[in-house]
Protein backbone atom coordinates (compact mmCIF):
# COMPACT_ATOMS: atom_id res chain seq x y z
CA MET A 1 0.13 0.04 0.12
CA THR A 2 3.01 2.58 0.96
CA LYS A 3 3.93 2.22 -2.55
CA LEU A 4 0.84 3.14 -4.31
CA LEU A 5 0.47 5.99 -1.94
CA LEU A 6 4.15 7.45 -2.83
CA SER A 7 3.35 6.68 -6.67
CA LEU A 8 0.26 8.62 -6.46
CA HIS A 9 1.78 11.14 -4.20
CA VAL A 10 4.67 12.05 -6.84
CA LEU A 11 2.01 11.56 -10.10
CA ALA A 12 0.16 14.15 -8.15
CA ALA A 13 3.23 16.12 -7.67
CA ILE A 14 4.16 15.97 -11.29
CA ILE A 15 0.87 16.64 -13.06
CA ALA A 16 -0.74 19.40 -10.75
CA ILE A 17 2.25 21.27 -9.22
CA GLY A 18 4.57 20.85 -12.67
CA PRO A 19 1.85 22.96 -14.88
CA VAL A 20 1.32 25.60 -12.03
CA THR A 21 5.14 26.30 -11.75
CA VAL A 22 5.36 26.51 -15.58
CA ALA A 23 1.89 28.75 -16.40
CA ALA A 24 2.85 30.97 -13.61
CA SER A 25 6.10 31.33 -14.72
CA MET A 26 5.09 32.20 -18.12
CA PHE A 27 2.79 34.95 -16.77
CA PRO A 28 4.84 37.71 -16.08
CA ALA A 29 6.78 37.49 -19.42
CA VAL A 30 3.52 37.67 -21.34
CA THR A 31 2.58 40.62 -19.35
CA ARG A 32 5.18 42.39 -20.87
CA ARG A 33 3.92 41.83 -24.28
CA ALA A 34 1.55 43.92 -26.26
CA ASP A 35 -0.55 40.66 -27.09
CA ARG A 36 -1.70 39.61 -23.67
CA THR A 37 -4.61 37.29 -25.29
CA GLY A 38 -2.60 34.23 -23.03
CA LEU A 39 -3.35 35.60 -19.98
CA PRO A 40 -6.47 34.47 -19.02
CA LEU A 41 -5.55 30.88 -20.44
CA LEU A 42 -2.39 30.97 -18.07
CA HIS A 43 -4.29 32.02 -15.34
CA ARG A 44 -7.05 29.31 -15.73
CA ILE A 45 -4.20 26.98 -15.48
CA CYS A 46 -2.76 28.14 -12.47
CA ARG A 47 -6.07 28.03 -10.99
CA VAL A 48 -7.40 24.90 -11.96
CA TYR A 49 -4.02 22.90 -11.31
CA ALA A 50 -3.77 24.38 -7.95
CA THR A 51 -6.91 23.20 -6.94
CA LEU A 52 -5.82 19.47 -8.38
CA GLY A 53 -2.66 20.29 -6.02
CA ILE A 54 -4.52 19.64 -3.18
CA ALA A 55 -4.29 15.66 -3.78
CA VAL A 56 -0.30 16.36 -3.52
CA PRO A 57 -0.30 16.56 0.31
CA VAL A 58 -3.29 14.21 0.75
CA PHE A 59 -1.22 11.63 -0.62
CA GLY A 60 1.83 13.06 0.74
CA LEU A 61 0.23 12.55 4.52
CA ALA A 62 -0.78 9.32 3.82
CA THR A 63 2.09 8.13 2.44
CA ALA A 64 4.09 9.52 5.70
CA SER A 65 1.50 8.27 7.82
CA SER A 66 2.07 4.39 6.14
CA LEU A 67 5.92 4.93 6.75
CA GLY A 68 5.49 6.33 10.21
CA VAL A 69 7.34 9.34 9.08
CA LEU A 70 4.97 11.78 10.41
CA GLY A 71 7.11 13.37 13.31
CA ASP A 72 10.38 13.27 11.56
CA ALA A 73 11.65 17.31 11.26
CA TRP A 74 12.25 16.93 7.37
CA LEU A 75 8.61 15.89 6.67
CA ILE A 76 7.35 18.74 8.88
CA THR A 77 9.83 21.09 7.21
CA SER A 78 8.18 19.87 4.10
CA ILE A 79 4.44 20.43 5.17
CA ALA A 80 5.71 24.01 6.38
CA LEU A 81 7.18 25.12 2.95
CA THR A 82 4.26 23.67 1.13
CA ALA A 83 1.60 25.15 3.30
CA ALA A 84 3.62 28.51 2.70
CA ALA A 85 3.89 27.85 -1.29
CA ALA A 86 0.11 27.26 -1.45
CA ALA A 87 -0.75 30.20 0.61
CA LEU A 88 1.53 32.34 -1.58
CA LEU A 89 0.01 31.16 -5.02
CA ALA A 90 -3.59 31.35 -3.56
CA LEU A 91 -3.20 34.56 -1.76
CA VAL A 92 -0.94 36.66 -3.92
CA ILE A 93 0.27 35.10 -7.04
CA LEU A 94 -3.51 34.03 -8.15
CA PRO A 95 -5.26 37.58 -7.04
CA ALA A 96 -2.30 39.62 -8.53
CA GLN A 97 -2.80 37.85 -12.04
CA ARG A 98 -6.47 38.39 -11.62
CA ARG A 99 -5.97 42.26 -11.09
CA VAL A 100 -3.29 42.16 -14.24
CA ILE A 101 -6.11 40.74 -16.59
CA ALA A 102 -8.77 43.08 -15.31
CA GLY A 103 -6.34 45.72 -16.11
CA ALA A 104 -5.17 47.09 -12.96
CA PRO A 105 -0.97 47.74 -13.02
CA VAL A 106 0.65 45.41 -11.26
CA PRO A 107 4.54 45.37 -12.33
CA PRO A 108 5.20 42.44 -13.95
CA THR A 109 8.83 42.04 -12.29
CA ARG A 110 6.92 41.46 -8.83
CA LEU A 111 4.60 38.98 -10.11
CA GLY A 112 7.91 37.17 -11.18
CA MET A 113 9.80 37.59 -7.98
CA LEU A 114 6.56 36.33 -6.11
CA THR A 115 6.72 33.24 -8.60
CA GLY A 116 10.25 32.58 -8.26
CA VAL A 117 9.82 32.39 -4.51
CA PHE A 118 6.46 29.87 -5.03
CA ASN A 119 9.24 27.56 -7.06
CA LEU A 120 11.96 27.81 -5.04
CA LEU A 121 9.85 26.77 -2.14
CA TRP A 122 8.59 23.58 -4.40
CA ALA A 123 12.30 22.98 -5.02
CA VAL A 124 13.35 22.89 -1.50
CA VAL A 125 10.13 20.47 -0.64
CA VAL A 126 11.52 17.95 -3.70
CA VAL A 127 15.17 18.16 -2.21
CA LEU A 128 14.10 17.56 1.31
CA MET A 129 11.68 14.57 -0.15
CA ILE A 130 14.71 12.81 -1.80
CA VAL A 131 17.23 13.68 0.95
CA ARG A 132 15.20 13.56 4.06
CA PRO A 133 17.73 14.34 7.07
CA GLY A 134 17.83 12.32 9.53
CA SER A 135 15.79 9.92 8.01
CA THR A 136 16.26 5.94 8.54
CA THR A 137 15.63 5.14 4.82
CA GLY A 138 17.01 8.67 3.31
CA ALA A 139 20.14 8.97 1.09
């Protein structure tokens, strides 16, 4: 059962988080162009896949529970970073994208920086999931 949960967790991360990171990263560059017709599509991709991304921590917690590592520091840190990335996306990036689409002046550099932080948080979570410092099953 653990292998199935881990497989679902990794697949959910690739399928859900990957498109959000790519679309969110493209959004600031498209805002700088004269033709901004792709902005609503990029925002929709971010919004839809962010919703699907809820499966990632669900399967992750189920996997951690089956492995008995819920109290490990690397996992608690990963959970906190995942929550921070989710909050940044839901409370800052997606609303800023909506404002840009509505015509409000949101600096593309600020949106790019926020998206970069979002992507960096996910990169750190991936490294923690692979290395698992202090874990008896880690590398």
